[in-house]
Protein backbone atom coordinates (compact mmCIF):
# COMPACT_ATOMS: atom_id res chain seq x y z
CA MET A 1 0.03 0.02 0.01
CA ASP A 2 1.15 3.51 -0.72
CA PHE A 3 -0.41 5.28 2.29
CA ASP A 4 2.01 6.34 5.04
CA PRO A 5 0.00 6.62 8.29
CA GLU A 6 2.86 8.06 10.34
CA PRO A 7 1.95 11.75 9.77
CA VAL A 8 -1.60 11.06 10.80
CA PHE A 9 -0.53 9.17 13.84
CA ALA A 10 1.74 12.07 14.86
CA ARG A 11 -1.22 14.49 14.94
CA ALA A 12 -2.92 12.54 17.72
CA ASN A 13 -3.23 14.78 20.73
CA CYS A 14 -4.78 12.47 23.22
CA PRO A 15 -3.62 9.32 25.01
CA VAL A 16 -3.59 6.34 22.62
CA LEU A 17 -3.85 2.69 23.67
CA LEU A 18 -3.15 0.19 20.91
CA PHE A 19 -3.84 -3.47 20.90
CA TYR A 20 -2.44 -5.85 18.35
CA GLY A 21 -3.08 -9.54 18.17
CA THR A 22 0.15 -11.56 17.85
CA SER A 23 -1.35 -13.54 14.98
CA ASP A 24 -3.28 -10.82 13.14
CA ALA A 25 -3.48 -11.69 9.45
CA TRP A 26 -5.05 -8.34 8.45
CA VAL A 27 -2.67 -5.75 9.97
CA PRO A 28 1.10 -5.67 9.51
CA VAL A 29 1.73 -5.57 13.29
CA ASP A 30 5.39 -4.85 13.45
CA ALA A 31 5.27 -2.22 10.68
CA SER A 32 2.24 -0.54 12.40
CA ILE A 33 3.91 -0.53 15.78
CA ALA A 34 7.10 0.93 14.20
CA ALA A 35 5.11 3.72 12.56
CA TRP A 36 3.40 4.57 15.86
CA ARG A 37 6.73 4.59 17.71
CA ARG A 38 8.31 6.91 15.08
CA ALA A 39 5.25 9.23 15.37
CA ALA A 40 5.63 9.23 19.16
CA THR A 41 9.20 10.51 18.92
CA THR A 42 8.19 13.58 16.84
CA GLY A 43 5.69 15.08 19.27
CA ALA A 44 4.02 14.75 22.66
CA LEU A 45 2.07 11.64 21.80
CA ASP A 46 1.14 9.57 24.87
CA LEU A 47 1.32 6.06 23.41
CA THR A 48 0.79 2.69 24.99
CA ILE A 49 1.10 -0.53 22.97
CA CYS A 50 0.02 -4.02 23.91
CA ARG A 51 0.36 -7.24 21.93
CA LEU A 52 -2.33 -9.74 22.76
CA ASP A 53 -1.06 -13.27 22.91
CA GLY A 54 -3.18 -15.80 21.11
CA CYS A 55 -5.41 -13.18 19.43
CA ASP A 56 -5.87 -12.36 15.76
CA HIS A 57 -7.54 -9.22 14.50
CA LEU A 58 -10.07 -9.15 17.29
CA PRO A 59 -9.19 -9.19 21.01
CA SER A 60 -10.66 -12.66 21.25
CA PHE A 61 -9.49 -16.17 20.77
CA ASP A 62 -10.14 -18.34 17.65
CA GLU A 63 -11.58 -15.32 15.76
CA ARG A 64 -14.78 -15.74 17.84
CA GLU A 65 -17.01 -12.78 18.40
CA ASP A 66 -18.70 -13.73 21.66
CA ILE A 67 -17.92 -12.15 25.01
CA ALA A 68 -16.66 -15.38 26.58
CA SER A 69 -13.83 -15.53 23.98
CA ILE A 70 -12.42 -12.04 24.82
CA SER A 71 -8.88 -12.14 26.04
CA SER A 72 -8.45 -11.50 29.75
CA GLN A 73 -5.19 -9.82 28.81
CA TYR A 74 -7.19 -7.35 26.80
CA SER A 75 -9.72 -6.70 29.50
CA THR A 76 -7.17 -6.31 32.28
CA THR A 77 -4.87 -4.04 30.24
CA LEU A 78 -7.87 -1.88 29.12
CA VAL A 79 -9.14 -1.39 32.62
CA THR A 80 -5.64 -0.70 34.06
CA TRP A 81 -5.00 1.87 31.30
CA LEU A 82 -8.30 3.64 31.77
CA GLU A 83 -7.83 3.81 35.47
CA SER A 84 -4.38 5.33 35.04
CA GLN A 85 -5.87 7.90 32.58
CA LEU A 86 -8.63 8.83 35.08
CA SER A 87 -6.30 9.05 38.06
CA THR A 88 -3.43 11.13 36.69
CA GLY A 89 -2.91 13.98 34.25
CA THR A 90 -1.23 13.29 30.92
CA THR A 91 1.58 15.71 31.72
CA ASP A 92 2.95 13.43 34.38
CA ARG A 93 3.50 10.57 31.96
CA PRO A 94 6.37 9.96 29.45
CA PRO A 95 5.50 10.32 25.77
CA PHE A 96 5.85 6.54 25.13
CA ARG A 97 5.02 3.65 27.38
CA SER A 98 4.68 -0.04 26.68
CA ILE A 99 2.57 -2.13 29.09
CA ASP A 100 4.01 -5.56 29.83
CA CYS A 101 1.28 -7.81 28.44
CA GLU A 102 3.00 -11.15 29.19
CA ARG A 103 0.83 -13.64 31.01
């Protein structure tokens, strides 16, 4: 594809939480993460990236779409991130963070 998303990513002016399934067949995960990281170095982007073990394009297992198949890693990380956003101001955080999503 000819579209370079990095300039668009760099314009984000709010905290960003990204989830990527480790076996996503639709999104070039490593290239996408690299573009976000490059964008984060050019501005004040508050970026958090999490790779979801055992997930594909959705944050669920076996490409299922029911609530029972949603990754607990996704749910836990999302709640933790939201709590951190609500409890502190964005100026107290570094411009790039990576949550350890290992089980």
